[in-house]
């Protein structure tokens, strides 16, 4: 694909951001433009892989958050959190 506008079209199609008319025109383009179809297939595969990734915070991060949450609060913050200000 020689220009970014074409790439933007592929991305809009993949993410269902086109009007029905634009999508119909783009589907026609996919049938007649092998370069566009190849880019579409590549980006669709990348999207599927990204959607399948599951990310979880590391144990170190979770432990750090829990240590912070367990720290005693200064007296001023305790009063504010109880509505005594």
Protein backbone atom coordinates (compact mmCIF):
# COMPACT_ATOMS: atom_id res chain seq x y z
CA UNK A 1 0.00 0.00 0.00
CA UNK A 2 1.66 3.15 -1.17
CA UNK A 3 -0.02 5.76 1.03
CA UNK A 4 -1.11 6.19 4.62
CA UNK A 5 -4.68 7.00 3.56
CA UNK A 6 -5.02 3.43 2.28
CA UNK A 7 -3.64 2.07 5.53
CA UNK A 8 -6.10 4.21 7.46
CA UNK A 9 -8.93 2.76 5.39
CA UNK A 10 -7.85 -0.79 6.22
CA UNK A 11 -7.69 0.02 9.93
CA UNK A 12 -11.10 1.71 9.85
CA UNK A 13 -12.53 -1.37 8.13
CA UNK A 14 -10.97 -3.77 10.63
CA UNK A 15 -12.35 -1.79 13.57
CA UNK A 16 -15.78 -1.41 11.95
CA UNK A 17 -15.51 2.38 11.78
CA UNK A 18 -16.86 2.76 8.24
CA UNK A 19 -20.35 3.59 7.15
CA UNK A 20 -22.14 0.69 5.46
CA UNK A 21 -21.54 2.37 2.09
CA UNK A 22 -17.81 2.85 2.77
CA UNK A 23 -17.51 -0.74 3.96
CA UNK A 24 -19.20 -2.02 0.79
CA UNK A 25 -16.85 0.01 -1.38
CA UNK A 26 -13.88 -1.23 0.62
CA UNK A 27 -14.96 -4.87 0.32
CA UNK A 28 -15.01 -4.39 -3.45
CA UNK A 29 -11.51 -2.91 -3.28
CA UNK A 30 -10.31 -5.96 -1.32
CA UNK A 31 -11.49 -8.18 -4.15
CA UNK A 32 -9.61 -6.29 -6.85
CA UNK A 33 -6.51 -4.93 -5.07
CA UNK A 34 -4.12 -7.71 -3.98
CA UNK A 35 -1.82 -5.27 -2.12
CA UNK A 36 -4.73 -3.90 -0.12
CA UNK A 37 -6.03 -7.41 0.59
CA UNK A 38 -2.59 -8.52 1.81
CA UNK A 39 -2.33 -5.52 4.15
CA UNK A 40 -5.86 -6.19 5.41
CA UNK A 41 -5.05 -9.84 6.14
CA UNK A 42 -1.79 -8.93 7.91
CA UNK A 43 -3.42 -6.27 10.08
CA UNK A 44 -6.41 -8.47 10.83
CA UNK A 45 -4.02 -11.20 12.03
CA UNK A 46 -2.20 -8.70 14.24
CA UNK A 47 -5.49 -7.49 15.69
CA UNK A 48 -6.55 -11.06 16.49
CA UNK A 49 -3.23 -11.76 18.20
CA UNK A 50 -3.43 -8.56 20.24
CA UNK A 51 -6.99 -9.34 21.27
CA UNK A 52 -5.93 -12.77 22.49
CA UNK A 53 -3.19 -11.45 24.78
CA UNK A 54 -3.92 -11.49 28.48
CA UNK A 55 -1.77 -9.21 30.56
CA UNK A 56 -1.52 -9.43 34.31
CA UNK A 57 0.52 -7.28 36.67
CA UNK A 58 3.66 -8.88 38.06
CA UNK A 59 3.70 -10.22 41.60
CA UNK A 60 6.25 -7.54 42.49
CA UNK A 61 3.83 -4.82 41.40
CA UNK A 62 0.92 -6.40 43.28
CA UNK A 63 3.04 -6.72 46.42
CA UNK A 64 4.13 -3.10 46.13
CA UNK A 65 0.53 -1.94 45.85
CA UNK A 66 -0.52 -4.04 48.83
CA UNK A 67 2.37 -2.70 50.96
CA UNK A 68 1.35 0.84 50.08
CA UNK A 69 -2.32 0.15 50.86
CA UNK A 70 -1.42 -1.28 54.29
CA UNK A 71 0.64 1.72 55.34
CA UNK A 72 -0.88 3.69 58.23
CA UNK A 73 -2.48 6.89 57.06
CA UNK A 74 -1.52 10.20 58.64
CA UNK A 75 -4.11 11.52 61.10
CA UNK A 76 -5.29 14.23 58.66
CA UNK A 77 -6.12 11.71 55.96
CA UNK A 78 -8.01 9.43 58.40
CA UNK A 79 -10.24 12.31 59.44
CA UNK A 80 -10.95 13.35 55.87
CA UNK A 81 -11.77 9.78 54.84
CA UNK A 82 -14.24 9.54 57.75
CA UNK A 83 -15.84 12.87 56.84
CA UNK A 84 -14.35 14.74 59.82
CA UNK A 85 -12.82 17.80 58.29
